[in-house]
Protein backbone atom coordinates (compact mmCIF):
# COMPACT_ATOMS: atom_id res chain seq x y z
CA UNK A 1 63.72 -9.14 -48.02
CA UNK A 2 61.12 -6.65 -49.14
CA UNK A 3 60.62 -6.37 -52.87
CA UNK A 4 59.60 -2.96 -54.17
CA UNK A 5 58.57 -2.91 -57.80
CA UNK A 6 59.52 0.60 -58.88
CA UNK A 7 57.89 0.09 -62.27
CA UNK A 8 54.56 -0.79 -60.64
CA UNK A 9 54.88 2.01 -58.10
CA UNK A 10 55.57 4.43 -60.94
CA UNK A 11 52.47 3.29 -62.81
CA UNK A 12 50.37 3.65 -59.68
CA UNK A 13 51.60 7.21 -59.22
CA UNK A 14 50.94 8.01 -62.89
CA UNK A 15 47.38 6.69 -62.57
CA UNK A 16 46.82 8.78 -59.44
CA UNK A 17 48.13 11.95 -61.10
CA UNK A 18 46.06 11.35 -64.25
CA UNK A 19 42.83 10.77 -62.33
CA UNK A 20 43.31 13.51 -59.73
CA UNK A 21 44.82 16.36 -61.70
CA UNK A 22 43.90 15.62 -65.33
CA UNK A 23 40.46 14.03 -64.76
CA UNK A 24 41.60 11.16 -66.99
CA UNK A 25 40.58 7.51 -66.69
CA UNK A 26 43.34 6.33 -69.04
CA UNK A 27 46.52 4.52 -67.99
CA UNK A 28 48.53 4.89 -71.21
CA UNK A 29 50.92 7.43 -72.68
CA UNK A 30 49.66 10.60 -74.31
CA UNK A 31 50.50 11.68 -77.84
CA UNK A 32 51.74 15.28 -78.03
CA UNK A 33 51.81 17.53 -81.08
CA UNK A 34 55.05 19.28 -82.10
CA UNK A 35 55.46 22.49 -80.11
CA UNK A 36 53.08 21.47 -77.32
CA UNK A 37 54.37 21.77 -73.77
CA UNK A 38 53.46 18.58 -71.92
CA UNK A 39 51.61 19.34 -68.68
CA UNK A 40 49.15 17.60 -66.40
CA UNK A 41 46.05 19.68 -67.32
CA UNK A 42 46.51 18.70 -71.00
CA UNK A 43 47.32 15.05 -70.31
CA UNK A 44 43.80 13.76 -70.97
CA UNK A 45 43.69 15.49 -74.35
CA UNK A 46 46.98 13.83 -75.31
CA UNK A 47 45.74 10.44 -74.07
CA UNK A 48 42.55 10.75 -76.10
CA UNK A 49 44.63 11.30 -79.24
CA UNK A 50 46.10 7.90 -78.41
CA UNK A 51 42.62 6.40 -78.08
CA UNK A 52 41.55 7.84 -81.45
CA UNK A 53 44.63 6.41 -83.16
CA UNK A 54 44.01 3.00 -81.60
CA UNK A 55 40.36 2.95 -82.64
CA UNK A 56 41.34 3.83 -86.22
CA UNK A 57 43.16 0.48 -86.50
CA UNK A 58 40.11 -1.57 -85.43
CA UNK A 59 37.65 -2.68 -88.14
CA UNK A 60 34.13 -1.25 -87.71
CA UNK A 61 31.63 -2.98 -85.44
CA UNK A 62 30.12 -5.47 -85.14
CA UNK A 63 32.89 -7.88 -84.34
CA UNK A 64 34.19 -10.07 -81.56
CA UNK A 65 37.08 -8.39 -79.74
CA UNK A 66 39.50 -9.60 -77.07
CA UNK A 67 41.10 -6.81 -75.01
CA UNK A 68 44.30 -8.34 -73.61
CA UNK A 69 45.64 -6.63 -70.51
CA UNK A 70 42.59 -4.38 -70.34
CA UNK A 71 43.27 -2.99 -66.86
CA UNK A 72 40.12 -1.68 -65.22
CA UNK A 73 38.07 -2.04 -68.41
CA UNK A 74 37.95 1.56 -69.62
CA UNK A 75 38.83 0.71 -73.24
CA UNK A 76 36.62 -2.40 -73.15
CA UNK A 77 33.69 -0.25 -72.02
CA UNK A 78 34.26 2.19 -74.87
CA UNK A 79 34.35 -0.66 -77.40
CA UNK A 80 31.28 -2.31 -75.89
CA UNK A 81 29.37 0.96 -76.25
CA UNK A 82 30.44 1.12 -79.91
CA UNK A 83 28.76 -2.21 -80.64
CA UNK A 84 31.56 -4.76 -80.35
CA UNK A 85 31.21 -8.06 -78.51
CA UNK A 86 33.97 -7.74 -75.93
CA UNK A 87 35.95 -10.09 -73.73
CA UNK A 88 38.78 -8.82 -71.56
CA UNK A 89 41.85 -10.35 -69.91
CA UNK A 90 43.74 -9.12 -66.85
CA UNK A 91 45.92 -11.09 -64.42
CA UNK A 92 45.04 -8.70 -61.58
CA UNK A 93 42.22 -9.75 -59.23
CA UNK A 94 41.53 -6.15 -58.25
CA UNK A 95 41.42 -4.95 -61.86
CA UNK A 96 39.19 -7.87 -62.82
CA UNK A 97 36.69 -6.94 -60.10
CA UNK A 98 36.62 -3.28 -61.13
CA UNK A 99 36.29 -4.18 -64.82
CA UNK A 100 33.51 -6.71 -64.22
CA UNK A 101 31.49 -4.13 -62.30
CA UNK A 102 32.11 -1.49 -64.97
CA UNK A 103 31.25 -3.73 -67.92
CA UNK A 104 28.31 -5.56 -66.42
CA UNK A 105 26.85 -8.76 -67.87
CA UNK A 106 27.47 -7.81 -71.51
CA UNK A 107 31.23 -8.43 -71.47
CA UNK A 108 33.21 -11.31 -70.02
CA UNK A 109 36.30 -10.62 -67.89
CA UNK A 110 38.95 -13.34 -67.64
CA UNK A 111 41.27 -13.14 -64.63
CA UNK A 112 44.36 -14.76 -66.12
CA UNK A 113 47.63 -14.18 -67.91
CA UNK A 114 47.25 -14.28 -71.69
CA UNK A 115 49.66 -17.21 -71.91
CA UNK A 116 47.23 -19.20 -69.71
CA UNK A 117 44.05 -18.00 -71.45
CA UNK A 118 41.83 -20.94 -72.37
CA UNK A 119 38.94 -19.10 -73.99
CA UNK A 120 37.66 -20.03 -77.41
CA UNK A 121 38.02 -18.02 -80.60
CA UNK A 122 37.65 -16.98 -83.23
CA UNK A 123 38.14 -13.30 -82.41
CA UNK A 124 37.95 -10.66 -85.11
CA UNK A 125 40.33 -8.44 -83.13
CA UNK A 126 42.89 -9.23 -80.45
CA UNK A 127 44.10 -5.97 -78.94
CA UNK A 128 47.06 -5.00 -76.75
CA UNK A 129 47.13 -1.43 -75.45
CA UNK A 130 50.47 -1.14 -73.63
CA UNK A 131 50.21 -4.76 -72.54
CA UNK A 132 52.15 -6.62 -75.25
CA UNK A 133 55.46 -5.85 -73.56
CA UNK A 134 54.40 -8.04 -70.61
CA UNK A 135 53.61 -11.24 -72.54
CA UNK A 136 55.97 -13.97 -73.70
CA UNK A 137 56.69 -13.27 -77.35
CA UNK A 138 56.74 -16.74 -78.90
CA UNK A 139 53.96 -18.22 -76.76
CA UNK A 140 51.64 -15.29 -77.33
CA UNK A 141 52.10 -15.15 -81.11
CA UNK A 142 51.29 -18.86 -81.34
CA UNK A 143 48.15 -18.40 -79.22
CA UNK A 144 47.08 -15.38 -81.27
CA UNK A 145 47.36 -17.36 -84.48
CA UNK A 146 45.15 -20.06 -82.94
CA UNK A 147 42.33 -17.83 -81.66
CA UNK A 148 42.27 -15.19 -84.41
CA UNK A 149 39.58 -15.35 -87.10
CA UNK A 150 40.85 -15.95 -90.68
CA UNK A 151 40.45 -12.30 -91.59
CA UNK A 152 41.09 -10.99 -88.09
CA UNK A 153 43.60 -8.44 -86.82
CA UNK A 154 46.01 -8.20 -83.94
CA UNK A 155 46.27 -4.57 -82.80
CA UNK A 156 49.31 -3.54 -80.75
CA UNK A 157 50.02 -0.08 -79.34
CA UNK A 158 53.12 -0.33 -77.22
CA UNK A 159 56.69 0.53 -76.44
CA UNK A 160 59.54 -1.60 -77.80
CA UNK A 161 63.25 -1.42 -77.10
CA UNK A 162 65.30 0.03 -79.94
CA UNK A 163 68.61 -1.51 -80.95
CA UNK A 164 70.36 1.38 -79.16
CA UNK A 165 69.21 -0.02 -75.81
CA UNK A 166 72.13 -1.75 -74.11
CA UNK A 167 70.44 -3.03 -70.96
CA UNK A 168 71.21 -0.15 -68.62
CA UNK A 169 68.71 1.83 -66.55
CA UNK A 170 66.58 3.71 -69.07
CA UNK A 171 62.89 4.66 -69.32
CA UNK A 172 60.50 2.62 -71.41
CA UNK A 173 60.63 -1.12 -71.94
CA UNK A 174 59.17 -3.95 -73.92
CA UNK A 175 60.49 -6.50 -76.40
CA UNK A 176 63.36 -5.48 -78.66
CA UNK A 177 61.62 -4.36 -81.85
CA UNK A 178 64.05 -6.08 -84.23
CA UNK A 179 63.45 -9.40 -82.45
CA UNK A 180 59.69 -8.80 -82.47
CA UNK A 181 59.69 -8.26 -86.26
CA UNK A 182 61.55 -11.53 -86.82
CA UNK A 183 59.22 -13.43 -84.46
CA UNK A 184 56.13 -12.04 -86.21
CA UNK A 185 57.38 -13.24 -89.58
CA UNK A 186 58.30 -16.64 -88.18
CA UNK A 187 54.87 -17.03 -86.57
CA UNK A 188 53.09 -16.51 -89.88
CA UNK A 189 51.88 -12.92 -89.48
CA UNK A 190 52.31 -9.88 -91.68
CA UNK A 191 52.56 -6.33 -90.32
CA UNK A 192 49.97 -4.43 -92.35
CA UNK A 193 49.94 -1.17 -90.37
CA UNK A 194 53.00 0.28 -88.68
CA UNK A 195 53.17 3.86 -87.38
CA UNK A 196 56.10 5.09 -85.32
CA UNK A 197 54.89 7.67 -82.76
CA UNK A 198 57.99 7.63 -80.56
CA UNK A 199 58.58 11.38 -80.52
CA UNK A 200 54.91 12.13 -79.77
CA UNK A 201 54.74 9.55 -76.94
CA UNK A 202 58.14 10.43 -75.47
CA UNK A 203 56.96 13.86 -74.34
CA UNK A 204 54.79 12.16 -71.69
CA UNK A 205 58.03 11.41 -69.85
CA UNK A 206 58.35 15.13 -69.09
CA UNK A 207 55.24 14.88 -66.87
CA UNK A 208 56.62 11.81 -65.11
CA UNK A 209 59.94 13.57 -64.57
CA UNK A 210 58.37 16.77 -63.28
CA UNK A 211 56.10 14.90 -60.83
CA UNK A 212 59.05 13.10 -59.28
CA UNK A 213 61.34 16.13 -59.23
CA UNK A 214 58.75 18.71 -58.28
CA UNK A 215 56.54 16.78 -55.87
CA UNK A 216 57.62 13.28 -54.82
CA UNK A 217 61.32 13.91 -54.11
CA UNK A 218 60.73 17.19 -52.18
CA UNK A 219 57.97 15.52 -50.15
CA UNK A 220 60.25 12.61 -49.25
CA UNK A 221 63.03 15.05 -48.23
CA UNK A 222 60.62 17.09 -46.13
CA UNK A 223 59.24 14.06 -44.30
CA UNK A 224 62.74 12.75 -43.71
CA UNK A 225 63.84 16.12 -42.34
CA UNK A 226 60.85 16.42 -40.02
CA UNK A 227 61.35 12.92 -38.65
CA UNK A 228 65.07 13.37 -38.08
CA UNK A 229 64.49 16.66 -36.22
CA UNK A 230 61.28 15.92 -34.31
CA UNK A 231 61.37 12.15 -33.90
CA UNK A 232 65.05 11.13 -34.07
CA UNK A 233 64.55 7.72 -32.44
CA UNK A 234 61.73 6.80 -34.82
CA UNK A 235 63.79 8.14 -37.73
CA UNK A 236 66.77 5.96 -36.71
CA UNK A 237 64.54 2.90 -36.41
CA UNK A 238 62.92 3.42 -39.82
CA UNK A 239 66.25 4.16 -41.50
CA UNK A 240 67.81 1.04 -39.99
CA UNK A 241 64.87 -1.16 -40.99
CA UNK A 242 64.94 0.27 -44.52
CA UNK A 243 68.65 -0.61 -44.83
CA UNK A 244 68.11 -4.11 -43.46
CA UNK A 245 64.99 -5.20 -45.31
CA UNK A 246 65.14 -3.38 -48.67
CA UNK A 247 67.87 -4.76 -50.95
CA UNK A 248 70.62 -2.41 -52.11
CA UNK A 249 69.54 -2.72 -55.77
CA UNK A 250 66.00 -1.64 -54.87
CA UNK A 251 67.31 1.30 -52.82
CA UNK A 252 69.37 2.39 -55.82
CA UNK A 253 66.30 2.11 -58.05
CA UNK A 254 64.30 4.29 -55.67
CA UNK A 255 67.03 6.94 -55.53
CA UNK A 256 67.29 6.98 -59.33
CA UNK A 257 63.51 7.19 -59.65
CA UNK A 258 63.34 10.17 -57.29
CA UNK A 259 66.13 12.02 -59.09
CA UNK A 260 64.47 11.18 -62.44
CA UNK A 261 67.60 12.27 -64.34
CA UNK A 262 67.30 9.38 -66.77
CA UNK A 263 63.53 9.72 -67.25
CA UNK A 264 63.56 12.42 -69.91
CA UNK A 265 61.80 12.50 -73.30
CA UNK A 266 65.21 12.53 -75.00
CA UNK A 267 66.40 9.43 -73.12
CA UNK A 268 63.12 7.64 -73.89
CA UNK A 269 63.32 8.39 -77.63
CA UNK A 270 66.94 7.23 -77.81
CA UNK A 271 66.38 3.69 -76.54
CA UNK A 272 62.73 2.99 -77.43
CA UNK A 273 60.41 2.92 -80.38
CA UNK A 274 56.69 3.36 -79.73
CA UNK A 275 54.50 1.74 -82.41
CA UNK A 276 50.87 1.43 -83.43
CA UNK A 277 50.72 -1.89 -85.29
CA UNK A 278 48.20 -4.13 -87.01
CA UNK A 279 49.05 -7.76 -87.77
CA UNK A 280 47.20 -10.19 -90.02
CA UNK A 281 47.72 -13.88 -90.64
CA UNK A 282 49.51 -14.54 -93.93
CA UNK A 283 47.81 -16.61 -96.59
């Protein structure tokens, strides 16, 4: 049966909206000030606040930096231009190609999962910008300890599940923060910087919600209506194929995504905690 990854599809839509309507190259959440009304034209400004906060956690150049889950290389390019020696990891072949072209011969792009990364340290900085939630917790902490320089830092900016999350359909994601904190201690790291920006990041969900409610869902309804009225045989065929080849759970996910009732800033803030973190090896 067909497998539709609604999380991936949602990210793809977010990237398209950011690039087309906000002239933004960034893939991550924005950080919104109290009283600001989140909207697409201001998205890039909010995302660049995120970038500034991330850069503030990184020791000054020069230094050897590993950007883990670096996407299309936008952050790696910024760091390269600031004087860091940069290597980047992405498991996506397409992203690796785009990043390699963008970064040129001065930065190495590894097409691999971090758990399978075989590159050599030591790295002064290992950085995860909304990519830590995708790695195996225990395996990755052990690898980080191995490749990190003695006085190096692990920088993480990402979403974690709060203890209030009970496993139901809710926005956000990532490792449960309480379990992460225990694993960090057990792996021999200390959290030396820890800023909770959940409320500032959560407002980005309002853009996601408005896009689905105000554009995607009405467009789907309009196309469905046109097909059923103008091309009833084709509409019946497509509807039947959709029911046969797309699993019920995926159809339910798509319906929930289009309604976007659960994808509100309030729902996000209830079940997630968004953190900017710096880790250092103890002793």
